[in-house]
Amino acid sequence: MNILMTTAERRGRQGDGHFLKKPLHFIPKTKCCKHTQTGGDFLKYIDTKISSAHEARLIVRESEENFTAALDNALDTVIHGHIDRETSGCKIITLSGPTCSGKTTTANKLIRMITESGYHAVVMSIDDFFIDRARTNDINGEMPDYDSVKAIDLAEFGLCVKGLMEGKPTLIPHYDFVTGKRDSYAEYYPTRKDIFIFEGIQAVYPEVVRFLGSDFKSIFIHVDDDVTADGVLMRSDEIRLCRRLVRDYRFRNALPEFTLYLWENVRANERENIYPNAGNCHVYINSFLEYELFILAKNVLPLLETVSKDSPYRDEADEVAEKLRHFLNPHFDESMIPENSVFREFIG
């Protein structure tokens, strides 16, 4: 089986459908990849004829090593272009991207690199500023759309950022997705050595960015690859849907049918609010790992089988399942994946 992606397919794809201005776009390249150019189109070939566990391990290792190198290069560009100069206020880096792109793991790597540079990294998840689920239901009369700016308590977010910028003790909330409530606050005392990382899909929303001032750097991470296998197209948004199905089931107590129910609003919000506002970020990172569909196939197919036959999402579940069956391979196993992999963010 070969995987092929062309820019022509990307221009005509039905997936994310947005092509961003990318002044710095870091994409990992592996030995199993071959890039050629035909006219104005680039072809990406990946040899995935995996016939042994040994070969699978090598592909996983190579993918991880090259993604880490590309990620480190991108983050180094942001850090040394920001913290090496003096500023009058606190230093801020935003980390955004559509759902299930790898923001949390990238934030953890940012922490390590900032620490090695002699500064103190503080991750601020914008999710922690969500309005309590009960209040959101009362306002909208329906289930909460966590990807909408309406789910954020902007007033509290603004007060928090203002306190940090002024160097004052500030209360930082924590949101519990299981209970749908903020379950605690932590008081933080900012210092001049702090660099605040604001992480979340909402970090490109104008309603959020307006609180951050003008002196900050921005990183945008997403799945930038569409994949074809045996003539079947797996779009980048479908890859993220598969990641989310596993993540929501394992970490957010959500059944597959509920994730599919939310997905339409998630995609609409990406088209309306995320991609149109992502064109001015400083660095773009592609988080797709060449082995991940083999792992996702094993995990997602059993979940999709639980969607009831009379569900309005049955057809979508069947469509995704049919594509994933092309990636069933007995030689790939979760135990091959490093504990610090970006992919662990979705599978645990």
C-alpha atoms as a PDB file:
ATOM      1  CA  MET A   1       0.000   0.000   0.000  1.00  0.00           C
ATOM      2  CA  ASN A   2       1.289   3.461  -0.844  1.00  0.00           C
ATOM      3  CA  ILE A   3       0.116   6.745   0.594  1.00  0.00           C
ATOM      4  CA  LEU A   4       0.014   9.662  -1.822  1.00  0.00           C
ATOM      5  CA  MET A   5      -0.825  13.305  -1.199  1.00  0.00           C
ATOM      6  CA  THR A   6      -0.741  16.025  -3.858  1.00  0.00           C
ATOM      7  CA  THR A   7      -1.323  19.729  -3.595  1.00  0.00           C
ATOM      8  CA  ALA A   8      -3.917  19.356  -6.329  1.00  0.00           C
ATOM      9  CA  GLU A   9      -5.882  17.018  -4.070  1.00  0.00           C
ATOM     10  CA  ARG A  10      -5.434  19.472  -1.208  1.00  0.00           C
ATOM     11  CA  ARG A  11      -6.761  22.362  -3.280  1.00  0.00           C
ATOM     12  CA  GLY A  12      -9.850  20.384  -4.202  1.00  0.00           C
ATOM     13  CA  ARG A  13     -10.325  18.517  -0.962  1.00  0.00           C
ATOM     14  CA  GLN A  14     -13.497  18.612   1.060  1.00  0.00           C
ATOM     15  CA  GLY A  15     -11.634  18.668   4.347  1.00  0.00           C
ATOM     16  CA  ASP A  16     -10.327  21.739   6.130  1.00  0.00           C
ATOM     17  CA  GLY A  17     -10.370  23.666   2.880  1.00  0.00           C
ATOM     18  CA  HIS A  18      -8.200  26.526   4.131  1.00  0.00           C
ATOM     19  CA  PHE A  19      -4.717  27.319   2.904  1.00  0.00           C
ATOM     20  CA  LEU A  20      -2.813  29.525   5.272  1.00  0.00           C
ATOM     21  CA  LYS A  21      -0.058  32.039   4.794  1.00  0.00           C
ATOM     22  CA  LYS A  22       2.836  30.069   6.274  1.00  0.00           C
ATOM     23  CA  PRO A  23       6.026  32.106   6.703  1.00  0.00           C
ATOM     24  CA  LEU A  24       7.514  29.362   8.875  1.00  0.00           C
ATOM     25  CA  HIS A  25       5.983  25.922   8.313  1.00  0.00           C
ATOM     26  CA  PHE A  26       7.800  23.017   9.931  1.00  0.00           C
ATOM     27  CA  ILE A  27       6.983  19.547   8.571  1.00  0.00           C
ATOM     28  CA  PRO A  28       8.895  16.392   9.551  1.00  0.00           C
ATOM     29  CA  LYS A  29      10.494  14.433   6.720  1.00  0.00           C
ATOM     30  CA  THR A  30      11.362  10.755   7.063  1.00  0.00           C
ATOM     31  CA  LYS A  31      13.543   8.427   5.060  1.00  0.00           C
ATOM     32  CA  CYS A  32      10.459   6.583   3.820  1.00  0.00           C
ATOM     33  CA  CYS A  33       9.130   9.822   2.281  1.00  0.00           C
ATOM     34  CA  LYS A  34       9.876  10.878  -1.259  1.00  0.00           C
ATOM     35  CA  HIS A  35       8.982  14.372  -2.439  1.00  0.00           C
ATOM     36  CA  THR A  36       8.823  15.117  -6.149  1.00  0.00           C
ATOM     37  CA  GLN A  37       7.372  18.025  -8.082  1.00  0.00           C
ATOM     38  CA  THR A  38       5.252  17.811 -11.204  1.00  0.00           C
ATOM     39  CA  GLY A  39       4.472  21.245 -12.555  1.00  0.00           C
ATOM     40  CA  GLY A  40       3.160  23.154  -9.576  1.00  0.00           C
ATOM     41  CA  ASP A  41       2.158  20.082  -7.601  1.00  0.00           C
ATOM     42  CA  PHE A  42       4.151  18.279  -4.917  1.00  0.00           C
ATOM     43  CA  LEU A  43       3.761  14.527  -4.448  1.00  0.00           C
ATOM     44  CA  LYS A  44       4.369  12.840  -1.114  1.00  0.00           C
ATOM     45  CA  TYR A  45       4.951   9.101  -1.261  1.00  0.00           C
ATOM     46  CA  ILE A  46       5.166   6.997   1.902  1.00  0.00           C
ATOM     47  CA  ASP A  47       6.035   3.331   1.688  1.00  0.00           C
ATOM     48  CA  THR A  48       3.721   1.556   4.137  1.00  0.00           C
ATOM     49  CA  LYS A  49       4.091  -2.076   3.075  1.00  0.00           C
ATOM     50  CA  ILE A  50       4.673  -3.254   6.616  1.00  0.00           C
ATOM     51  CA  SER A  51       5.290  -6.991   6.936  1.00  0.00           C
ATOM     52  CA  SER A  52       6.847  -7.321  10.401  1.00  0.00           C
ATOM     53  CA  ALA A  53       6.757  -5.844  13.888  1.00  0.00           C
ATOM     54  CA  HIS A  54      10.418  -4.889  13.497  1.00  0.00           C
ATOM     55  CA  GLU A  55       9.633  -2.797  10.432  1.00  0.00           C
ATOM     56  CA  ALA A  56       6.664  -1.214  12.205  1.00  0.00           C
ATOM     57  CA  ARG A  57       8.878  -0.228  15.158  1.00  0.00           C
ATOM     58  CA  LEU A  58      11.372   1.401  12.815  1.00  0.00           C
ATOM     59  CA  ILE A  59       8.647   3.454  11.150  1.00  0.00           C
ATOM     60  CA  VAL A  60       7.249   4.559  14.502  1.00  0.00           C
ATOM     61  CA  ARG A  61      10.711   5.504  15.749  1.00  0.00           C
ATOM     62  CA  GLU A  62      11.636   7.370  12.576  1.00  0.00           C
ATOM     63  CA  SER A  63       8.330   9.249  12.527  1.00  0.00           C
ATOM     64  CA  GLU A  64       8.727  10.262  16.158  1.00  0.00           C
ATOM     65  CA  GLU A  65      12.350  11.342  15.802  1.00  0.00           C
ATOM     66  CA  ASN A  66      11.667  13.477  12.759  1.00  0.00           C
ATOM     67  CA  PHE A  67       8.535  15.061  14.196  1.00  0.00           C
ATOM     68  CA  THR A  68      10.438  15.928  17.366  1.00  0.00           C
ATOM     69  CA  ALA A  69      13.250  17.497  15.337  1.00  0.00           C
ATOM     70  CA  ALA A  70      10.803  19.569  13.289  1.00  0.00           C
ATOM     71  CA  LEU A  71       8.898  20.601  16.410  1.00  0.00           C
ATOM     72  CA  ASP A  72      12.065  21.579  18.276  1.00  0.00           C
ATOM     73  CA  ASN A  73      13.175  23.662  15.304  1.00  0.00           C
ATOM     74  CA  ALA A  74       9.838  25.479  15.200  1.00  0.00           C
ATOM     75  CA  LEU A  75       9.701  26.131  18.928  1.00  0.00           C
ATOM     76  CA  ASP A  76      13.322  27.266  18.996  1.00  0.00           C
ATOM     77  CA  THR A  77      12.451  29.839  16.335  1.00  0.00           C
ATOM     78  CA  VAL A  78       9.650  31.232  18.477  1.00  0.00           C
ATOM     79  CA  ILE A  79      11.514  31.178  21.787  1.00  0.00           C
ATOM     80  CA  HIS A  80      14.724  32.812  20.644  1.00  0.00           C
ATOM     81  CA  GLY A  81      12.809  35.388  18.655  1.00  0.00           C
ATOM     82  CA  HIS A  82      10.842  36.382  21.740  1.00  0.00           C
ATOM     83  CA  ILE A  83      12.494  35.853  25.108  1.00  0.00           C
ATOM     84  CA  ASP A  84      15.923  37.129  24.083  1.00  0.00           C
ATOM     85  CA  ARG A  85      14.649  40.695  23.894  1.00  0.00           C
ATOM     86  CA  GLU A  86      13.524  42.864  26.757  1.00  0.00           C
ATOM     87  CA  THR A  87       9.835  43.727  27.097  1.00  0.00           C
ATOM     88  CA  SER A  88       8.037  45.950  29.546  1.00  0.00           C
ATOM     89  CA  GLY A  89       5.356  43.396  30.430  1.00  0.00           C
ATOM     90  CA  CYS A  90       5.016  39.637  30.763  1.00  0.00           C
ATOM     91  CA  LYS A  91       6.024  37.468  27.804  1.00  0.00           C
ATOM     92  CA  ILE A  92       3.236  35.525  26.103  1.00  0.00           C
ATOM     93  CA  ILE A  93       3.235  32.736  23.520  1.00  0.00           C
ATOM     94  CA  THR A  94      -0.076  31.458  22.151  1.00  0.00           C
ATOM     95  CA  LEU A  95      -0.495  27.876  20.985  1.00  0.00           C
ATOM     96  CA  SER A  96      -3.575  27.167  18.922  1.00  0.00           C
ATOM     97  CA  GLY A  97      -4.982  24.886  16.263  1.00  0.00           C
ATOM     98  CA  PRO A  98      -8.141  22.915  15.544  1.00  0.00           C
ATOM     99  CA  THR A  99      -9.292  20.186  17.899  1.00  0.00           C
ATOM    100  CA  CYS A 100      -7.008  17.168  18.357  1.00  0.00           C
ATOM    101  CA  SER A 101      -3.952  18.667  16.703  1.00  0.00           C
ATOM    102  CA  GLY A 102      -1.496  18.060  19.548  1.00  0.00           C
ATOM    103  CA  LYS A 103      -1.548  21.370  21.387  1.00  0.00           C
ATOM    104  CA  THR A 104      -1.099  19.969  24.896  1.00  0.00           C
ATOM    105  CA  THR A 105       1.986  17.915  24.039  1.00  0.00           C
ATOM    106  CA  THR A 106       3.478  20.834  22.140  1.00  0.00           C
ATOM    107  CA  ALA A 107       2.936  23.006  25.195  1.00  0.00           C
ATOM    108  CA  ASN A 108       4.852  20.491  27.320  1.00  0.00           C
ATOM    109  CA  LYS A 109       7.767  20.583  24.891  1.00  0.00           C
ATOM    110  CA  LEU A 110       7.669  24.376  24.998  1.00  0.00           C
ATOM    111  CA  ILE A 111       7.993  24.195  28.785  1.00  0.00           C
ATOM    112  CA  ARG A 112      11.133  22.090  28.516  1.00  0.00           C
ATOM    113  CA  MET A 113      12.787  24.378  25.979  1.00  0.00           C
ATOM    114  CA  ILE A 114      11.867  27.550  27.855  1.00  0.00           C
ATOM    115  CA  THR A 115      13.221  26.074  31.082  1.00  0.00           C
ATOM    116  CA  GLU A 116      16.479  25.184  29.356  1.00  0.00           C
ATOM    117  CA  SER A 117      16.717  28.833  28.263  1.00  0.00           C
ATOM    118  CA  GLY A 118      16.656  29.973  31.883  1.00  0.00           C
ATOM    119  CA  TYR A 119      13.035  31.088  32.039  1.00  0.00           C
ATOM    120  CA  HIS A 120       9.959  29.722  33.798  1.00  0.00           C
ATOM    121  CA  ALA A 121       7.123  28.477  31.589  1.00  0.00           C
ATOM    122  CA  VAL A 122       3.529  28.710  32.804  1.00  0.00           C
ATOM    123  CA  VAL A 123       0.872  26.933  30.715  1.00  0.00           C
ATOM    124  CA  MET A 124      -2.564  28.539  30.759  1.00  0.00           C
ATOM    125  CA  SER A 125      -5.240  26.321  29.201  1.00  0.00           C
ATOM    126  CA  ILE A 126      -8.014  28.493  27.832  1.00  0.00           C
ATOM    127  CA  ASP A 127     -10.332  25.516  28.423  1.00  0.00           C
ATOM    128  CA  ASP A 128     -10.053  26.247  32.147  1.00  0.00           C
ATOM    129  CA  PHE A 129     -12.028  29.439  31.553  1.00  0.00           C
ATOM    130  CA  PHE A 130     -15.101  27.587  30.286  1.00  0.00           C
ATOM    131  CA  ILE A 131     -18.451  28.592  31.721  1.00  0.00           C
ATOM    132  CA  ASP A 132     -20.024  25.867  33.871  1.00  0.00           C
ATOM    133  CA  ARG A 133     -21.941  23.402  31.710  1.00  0.00           C
ATOM    134  CA  ALA A 134     -25.246  24.071  33.502  1.00  0.00           C
ATOM    135  CA  ARG A 135     -24.950  27.809  32.818  1.00  0.00           C
ATOM    136  CA  THR A 136     -24.126  27.155  29.168  1.00  0.00           C
ATOM    137  CA  ASN A 137     -27.206  24.945  28.828  1.00  0.00           C
ATOM    138  CA  ASP A 138     -29.369  27.646  30.374  1.00  0.00           C
ATOM    139  CA  ILE A 139     -28.008  30.259  27.975  1.00  0.00           C
ATOM    140  CA  ASN A 140     -28.183  28.213  24.765  1.00  0.00           C
ATOM    141  CA  GLY A 141     -30.995  25.813  25.610  1.00  0.00           C
ATOM    142  CA  GLU A 142     -28.881  22.965  24.251  1.00  0.00           C
ATOM    143  CA  MET A 143     -25.721  20.966  24.895  1.00  0.00           C
ATOM    144  CA  PRO A 144     -22.594  23.116  25.223  1.00  0.00           C
ATOM    145  CA  ASP A 145     -20.400  23.807  22.213  1.00  0.00           C
ATOM    146  CA  TYR A 146     -16.969  23.821  23.839  1.00  0.00           C
ATOM    147  CA  ASP A 147     -15.300  25.058  20.651  1.00  0.00           C
ATOM    148  CA  SER A 148     -17.346  28.259  20.494  1.00  0.00           C
ATOM    149  CA  VAL A 149     -16.184  31.539  21.992  1.00  0.00           C
ATOM    150  CA  LYS A 150     -19.555  31.614  23.783  1.00  0.00           C
ATOM    151  CA  ALA A 151     -18.330  28.801  26.042  1.00  0.00           C
ATOM    152  CA  ILE A 152     -15.552  31.013  27.465  1.00  0.00           C
ATOM    153  CA  ASP A 153     -15.963  33.315  30.442  1.00  0.00           C
ATOM    154  CA  LEU A 154     -14.255  36.219  28.678  1.00  0.00           C
ATOM    155  CA  ALA A 155     -14.672  38.564  31.629  1.00  0.00           C
ATOM    156  CA  GLU A 156     -12.746  36.246  33.937  1.00  0.00           C
ATOM    157  CA  PHE A 157     -10.169  35.529  31.255  1.00  0.00           C
ATOM    158  CA  GLY A 158      -9.575  39.245  30.783  1.00  0.00           C
ATOM    159  CA  LEU A 159      -9.161  39.838  34.516  1.00  0.00           C
ATOM    160  CA  CYS A 160      -6.691  36.960  34.761  1.00  0.00           C
ATOM    161  CA  VAL A 161      -4.534  38.218  31.888  1.00  0.00           C
ATOM    162  CA  LYS A 162      -4.643  41.766  33.249  1.00  0.00           C
ATOM    163  CA  GLY A 163      -3.412  40.584  36.647  1.00  0.00           C
ATOM    164  CA  LEU A 164      -0.552  38.610  35.110  1.00  0.00           C
ATOM    165  CA  MET A 165       0.497  41.513  32.902  1.00  0.00           C
ATOM    166  CA  GLU A 166       0.552  43.816  35.928  1.00  0.00           C
ATOM    167  CA  GLY A 167       2.594  41.323  37.942  1.00  0.00           C
ATOM    168  CA  LYS A 168      -0.132  40.894  40.546  1.00  0.00           C
ATOM    169  CA  PRO A 169      -1.209  37.689  42.359  1.00  0.00           C
ATOM    170  CA  THR A 170      -3.843  36.114  40.122  1.00  0.00           C
ATOM    171  CA  LEU A 171      -6.395  33.325  40.583  1.00  0.00           C
ATOM    172  CA  ILE A 172      -6.155  30.649  37.868  1.00  0.00           C
ATOM    173  CA  PRO A 173      -9.246  28.418  37.468  1.00  0.00           C
ATOM    174  CA  HIS A 174      -9.328  24.686  36.715  1.00  0.00           C
ATOM    175  CA  TYR A 175     -12.220  23.150  34.743  1.00  0.00           C
ATOM    176  CA  ASP A 176     -13.337  19.526  35.254  1.00  0.00           C
ATOM    177  CA  PHE A 177     -14.786  18.084  32.031  1.00  0.00           C
ATOM    178  CA  VAL A 178     -16.416  15.155  33.816  1.00  0.00           C
ATOM    179  CA  THR A 179     -18.483  17.329  36.168  1.00  0.00           C
ATOM    180  CA  GLY A 180     -18.709  20.246  33.748  1.00  0.00           C
ATOM    181  CA  LYS A 181     -17.638  22.734  36.414  1.00  0.00           C
ATOM    182  CA  ARG A 182     -14.663  24.711  37.620  1.00  0.00           C
ATOM    183  CA  ASP A 183     -13.566  22.657  40.580  1.00  0.00           C
ATOM    184  CA  SER A 184     -10.727  24.788  41.971  1.00  0.00           C
ATOM    185  CA  TYR A 185      -8.592  27.925  41.740  1.00  0.00           C
ATOM    186  CA  ALA A 186      -4.838  28.316  42.200  1.00  0.00           C
ATOM    187  CA  GLU A 187      -3.254  31.632  43.139  1.00  0.00           C
ATOM    188  CA  TYR A 188      -0.237  32.498  41.024  1.00  0.00           C
ATOM    189  CA  TYR A 189       2.427  35.107  41.722  1.00  0.00           C
ATOM    190  CA  PRO A 190       4.020  36.173  38.397  1.00  0.00           C
ATOM    191  CA  THR A 191       7.700  37.071  38.052  1.00  0.00           C
ATOM    192  CA  ARG A 192       9.836  38.687  35.336  1.00  0.00           C
ATOM    193  CA  LYS A 193      11.223  35.252  34.465  1.00  0.00           C
ATOM    194  CA  ASP A 194       7.782  33.889  33.550  1.00  0.00           C
ATOM    195  CA  ILE A 195       6.699  33.109  30.007  1.00  0.00           C
ATOM    196  CA  PHE A 196       2.976  32.391  29.747  1.00  0.00           C
ATOM    197  CA  ILE A 197       1.777  29.863  27.182  1.00  0.00           C
ATOM    198  CA  PHE A 198      -1.917  30.339  26.381  1.00  0.00           C
ATOM    199  CA  GLU A 199      -3.010  27.024  24.903  1.00  0.00           C
ATOM    200  CA  GLY A 200      -6.314  26.236  23.188  1.00  0.00           C
ATOM    201  CA  ILE A 201      -8.159  26.369  19.887  1.00  0.00           C
ATOM    202  CA  GLN A 202      -9.487  29.718  21.054  1.00  0.00           C
ATOM    203  CA  ALA A 203      -6.036  31.355  21.048  1.00  0.00           C
ATOM    204  CA  VAL A 204      -6.691  32.768  17.554  1.00  0.00           C
ATOM    205  CA  TYR A 205     -10.165  34.105  18.337  1.00  0.00           C
ATOM    206  CA  PRO A 206     -10.202  37.926  18.126  1.00  0.00           C
ATOM    207  CA  GLU A 207     -12.332  38.025  21.303  1.00  0.00           C
ATOM    208  CA  VAL A 208      -9.506  36.254  23.154  1.00  0.00           C
ATOM    209  CA  VAL A 209      -6.489  37.814  21.430  1.00  0.00           C
ATOM    210  CA  ARG A 210      -7.628  41.346  22.261  1.00  0.00           C
ATOM    211  CA  PHE A 211      -6.754  40.715  25.913  1.00  0.00           C
ATOM    212  CA  LEU A 212      -3.159  39.712  25.111  1.00  0.00           C
ATOM    213  CA  GLY A 213      -1.826  43.009  23.813  1.00  0.00           C
ATOM    214  CA  SER A 214       0.422  43.187  20.752  1.00  0.00           C
ATOM    215  CA  ASP A 215       3.738  41.805  22.009  1.00  0.00           C
ATOM    216  CA  PHE A 216       3.247  38.040  21.785  1.00  0.00           C
ATOM    217  CA  LYS A 217       4.275  35.174  19.509  1.00  0.00           C
ATOM    218  CA  SER A 218       1.847  32.633  18.073  1.00  0.00           C
ATOM    219  CA  ILE A 219       2.128  28.969  17.078  1.00  0.00           C
ATOM    220  CA  PHE A 220      -0.501  27.119  15.021  1.00  0.00           C
ATOM    221  CA  ILE A 221      -0.444  23.308  14.982  1.00  0.00           C
ATOM    222  CA  HIS A 222      -2.730  21.161  12.841  1.00  0.00           C
ATOM    223  CA  VAL A 223      -2.951  18.022  10.711  1.00  0.00           C
ATOM    224  CA  ASP A 224      -1.851  19.264   7.310  1.00  0.00           C
ATOM    225  CA  ASP A 225      -1.963  15.994   5.371  1.00  0.00           C
ATOM    226  CA  ASP A 226      -4.739  14.348   3.421  1.00  0.00           C
ATOM    227  CA  VAL A 227      -3.991  10.668   2.828  1.00  0.00           C
ATOM    228  CA  THR A 228      -5.013   8.325   0.033  1.00  0.00           C
ATOM    229  CA  ALA A 229      -4.689   4.571   0.428  1.00  0.00           C
ATOM    230  CA  ASP A 230      -5.872   2.051  -2.154  1.00  0.00           C
ATOM    231  CA  GLY A 231      -7.752   4.830  -3.909  1.00  0.00           C
ATOM    232  CA  VAL A 232      -9.606   5.936  -0.760  1.00  0.00           C
ATOM    233  CA  LEU A 233      -9.149   9.487   0.530  1.00  0.00           C
ATOM    234  CA  MET A 234      -8.791  10.058   4.279  1.00  0.00           C
ATOM    235  CA  ARG A 235      -9.119  13.802   4.784  1.00  0.00           C
ATOM    236  CA  SER A 236      -7.164  15.687   7.423  1.00  0.00           C
ATOM    237  CA  ASP A 237     -10.350  16.541   9.313  1.00  0.00           C
ATOM    238  CA  GLU A 238     -11.299  12.842   9.371  1.00  0.00           C
ATOM    239  CA  ILE A 239      -7.908  12.002  10.871  1.00  0.00           C
ATOM    240  CA  ARG A 240      -8.591  14.505  13.643  1.00  0.00           C
ATOM    241  CA  LEU A 241     -12.096  13.080  14.109  1.00  0.00           C
ATOM    242  CA  CYS A 242     -10.546   9.642  14.684  1.00  0.00           C
ATOM    243  CA  ARG A 243      -8.135  11.126  17.213  1.00  0.00           C
ATOM    244  CA  ARG A 244     -11.035  12.828  18.961  1.00  0.00           C
ATOM    245  CA  LEU A 245     -13.224   9.717  19.069  1.00  0.00           C
ATOM    246  CA  VAL A 246     -10.516   7.896  21.015  1.00  0.00           C
ATOM    247  CA  ARG A 247      -9.624  10.856  23.227  1.00  0.00           C
ATOM    248  CA  ASP A 248     -13.225  11.689  24.138  1.00  0.00           C
ATOM    249  CA  TYR A 249     -14.020   8.064  24.949  1.00  0.00           C
ATOM    250  CA  ARG A 250     -10.941   7.521  27.113  1.00  0.00           C
ATOM    251  CA  PHE A 251     -10.554  10.895  28.809  1.00  0.00           C
ATOM    252  CA  ARG A 252     -13.854  12.809  28.603  1.00  0.00           C
ATOM    253  CA  ASN A 253     -16.389  10.104  29.370  1.00  0.00           C
ATOM    254  CA  ALA A 254     -18.023  10.604  25.949  1.00  0.00           C
ATOM    255  CA  LEU A 255     -19.550   7.880  23.797  1.00  0.00           C
ATOM    256  CA  PRO A 256     -18.746   7.885  20.046  1.00  0.00           C
ATOM    257  CA  GLU A 257     -22.261   8.959  19.108  1.00  0.00           C
ATOM    258  CA  PHE A 258     -21.938  12.054  21.299  1.00  0.00           C
ATOM    259  CA  THR A 259     -18.598  12.954  19.685  1.00  0.00           C
ATOM    260  CA  LEU A 260     -20.168  12.594  16.237  1.00  0.00           C
ATOM    261  CA  TYR A 261     -23.085  14.737  17.408  1.00  0.00           C
ATOM    262  CA  LEU A 262     -20.669  17.515  18.385  1.00  0.00           C
ATOM    263  CA  TRP A 263     -18.481  17.164  15.307  1.00  0.00           C
ATOM    264  CA  GLU A 264     -20.704  19.157  12.957  1.00  0.00           C
ATOM    265  CA  ASN A 265     -20.496  22.187  15.243  1.00  0.00           C
ATOM    266  CA  VAL A 266     -16.764  21.628  15.746  1.00  0.00           C
ATOM    267  CA  ARG A 267     -16.133  21.735  11.998  1.00  0.00           C
ATOM    268  CA  ALA A 268     -18.435  24.705  11.495  1.00  0.00           C
ATOM    269  CA  ASN A 269     -16.555  26.597  14.187  1.00  0.00           C
ATOM    270  CA  GLU A 270     -13.217  25.754  12.568  1.00  0.00           C
ATOM    271  CA  ARG A 271     -14.396  27.097   9.231  1.00  0.00           C
ATOM    272  CA  GLU A 272     -15.933  30.197  10.769  1.00  0.00           C
ATOM    273  CA  ASN A 273     -13.542  31.137  13.573  1.00  0.00           C
ATOM    274  CA  ILE A 274     -10.279  29.186  13.559  1.00  0.00           C
ATOM    275  CA  TYR A 275      -8.891  29.038  10.029  1.00  0.00           C
ATOM    276  CA  PRO A 276      -9.993  32.553   8.992  1.00  0.00           C
ATOM    277  CA  ASN A 277      -8.111  33.927  12.022  1.00  0.00           C
ATOM    278  CA  ALA A 278      -5.040  31.681  11.757  1.00  0.00           C
ATOM    279  CA  GLY A 279      -3.337  33.374   8.835  1.00  0.00           C
ATOM    280  CA  ASN A 280      -1.205  35.711  10.927  1.00  0.00           C
ATOM    281  CA  CYS A 281       0.428  33.175  13.245  1.00  0.00           C
ATOM    282  CA  HIS A 282       4.216  33.203  13.372  1.00  0.00           C
ATOM    283  CA  VAL A 283       4.857  29.442  13.089  1.00  0.00           C
ATOM    284  CA  TYR A 284       2.843  26.510  11.668  1.00  0.00           C
ATOM    285  CA  ILE A 285       3.434  22.872  12.616  1.00  0.00           C
ATOM    286  CA  ASN A 286       2.079  19.712  10.978  1.00  0.00           C
ATOM    287  CA  SER A 287       1.348  17.066  13.652  1.00  0.00           C
ATOM    288  CA  PHE A 288       0.453  14.136  11.379  1.00  0.00           C
ATOM    289  CA  LEU A 289       2.489  11.002  12.129  1.00  0.00           C
ATOM    290  CA  GLU A 290       2.811   8.504   9.304  1.00  0.00           C
ATOM    291  CA  TYR A 291       2.038   5.472  11.470  1.00  0.00           C
ATOM    292  CA  GLU A 292      -0.953   6.857  13.347  1.00  0.00           C
ATOM    293  CA  LEU A 293      -3.745   5.610  11.089  1.00  0.00           C
ATOM    294  CA  PHE A 294      -2.649   2.031  11.753  1.00  0.00           C
ATOM    295  CA  ILE A 295      -3.061   2.613  15.498  1.00  0.00           C
ATOM    296  CA  LEU A 296      -6.270   4.600  15.070  1.00  0.00           C
ATOM    297  CA  ALA A 297      -7.838   1.863  12.954  1.00  0.00           C
ATOM    298  CA  LYS A 298      -7.505  -0.656  15.788  1.00  0.00           C
ATOM    299  CA  ASN A 299      -8.966   1.752  18.333  1.00  0.00           C
ATOM    300  CA  VAL A 300     -11.647   3.591  16.383  1.00  0.00           C
ATOM    301  CA  LEU A 301     -13.294   0.711  14.513  1.00  0.00           C
ATOM    302  CA  PRO A 302     -14.655  -0.938  17.713  1.00  0.00           C
ATOM    303  CA  LEU A 303     -15.969   2.448  18.859  1.00  0.00           C
ATOM    304  CA  LEU A 304     -17.792   3.101  15.595  1.00  0.00           C
ATOM    305  CA  GLU A 305     -19.461  -0.308  15.828  1.00  0.00           C
ATOM    306  CA  THR A 306     -21.277   0.912  18.958  1.00  0.00           C
ATOM    307  CA  VAL A 307     -23.159   3.610  17.018  1.00  0.00           C
ATOM    308  CA  SER A 308     -26.748   2.381  16.787  1.00  0.00           C
ATOM    309  CA  LYS A 309     -28.157   1.387  13.398  1.00  0.00           C
ATOM    310  CA  ASP A 310     -30.935   3.976  13.608  1.00  0.00           C
ATOM    311  CA  SER A 311     -28.567   6.780  14.625  1.00  0.00           C
ATOM    312  CA  PRO A 312     -28.452   9.872  12.377  1.00  0.00           C
ATOM    313  CA  TYR A 313     -24.650   9.454  12.513  1.00  0.00           C
ATOM    314  CA  ARG A 314     -24.616   5.826  11.334  1.00  0.00           C
ATOM    315  CA  ASP A 315     -23.761   6.735   7.729  1.00  0.00           C
ATOM    316  CA  GLU A 316     -20.852   8.928   8.812  1.00  0.00           C
ATOM    317  CA  ALA A 317     -19.616   6.197  11.139  1.00  0.00           C
ATOM    318  CA  ASP A 318     -19.788   3.635   8.320  1.00  0.00           C
ATOM    319  CA  GLU A 319     -17.927   5.935   5.920  1.00  0.00           C
ATOM    320  CA  VAL A 320     -15.056   6.535   8.331  1.00  0.00           C
ATOM    321  CA  ALA A 321     -14.965   2.846   9.305  1.00  0.00           C
ATOM    322  CA  GLU A 322     -14.692   1.747   5.682  1.00  0.00           C
ATOM    323  CA  LYS A 323     -11.674   4.010   5.189  1.00  0.00           C
ATOM    324  CA  LEU A 324     -10.005   2.857   8.398  1.00  0.00           C
ATOM    325  CA  ARG A 325     -10.230  -0.805   7.391  1.00  0.00           C
ATOM    326  CA  HIS A 326      -7.548  -0.103   4.785  1.00  0.00           C
ATOM    327  CA  PHE A 327      -5.146   0.589   7.668  1.00  0.00           C
ATOM    328  CA  LEU A 328      -5.704  -2.571   9.689  1.00  0.00           C
ATOM    329  CA  ASN A 329      -2.260  -4.077  10.170  1.00  0.00           C
ATOM    330  CA  PRO A 330      -1.378  -6.640  12.854  1.00  0.00           C
ATOM    331  CA  HIS A 331       2.235  -5.481  13.187  1.00  0.00           C
ATOM    332  CA  PHE A 332       1.529  -2.081  14.758  1.00  0.00           C
ATOM    333  CA  ASP A 333       0.922  -1.872  18.495  1.00  0.00           C
ATOM    334  CA  GLU A 334       0.482   0.958  20.994  1.00  0.00           C
ATOM    335  CA  SER A 335       3.418  -0.345  23.014  1.00  0.00           C
ATOM    336  CA  MET A 336       5.721   0.865  20.225  1.00  0.00           C
ATOM    337  CA  ILE A 337       4.764   4.493  20.793  1.00  0.00           C
ATOM    338  CA  PRO A 338       7.005   6.540  23.129  1.00  0.00           C
ATOM    339  CA  GLU A 339       5.404   7.791  26.330  1.00  0.00           C
ATOM    340  CA  ASN A 340       6.197  11.406  25.386  1.00  0.00           C
ATOM    341  CA  SER A 341       4.730  11.142  21.880  1.00  0.00           C
ATOM    342  CA  VAL A 342       2.253  13.759  20.689  1.00  0.00           C
ATOM    343  CA  PHE A 343       0.038  10.793  19.791  1.00  0.00           C
ATOM    344  CA  ARG A 344      -0.250   9.823  23.473  1.00  0.00           C
ATOM    345  CA  GLU A 345      -2.390  12.924  23.874  1.00  0.00           C
ATOM    346  CA  PHE A 346      -5.206  11.044  22.143  1.00  0.00           C
ATOM    347  CA  ILE A 347      -4.689   7.395  23.097  1.00  0.00           C
ATOM    348  CA  GLY A 348      -3.179   7.742  26.569  1.00  0.00           C
END
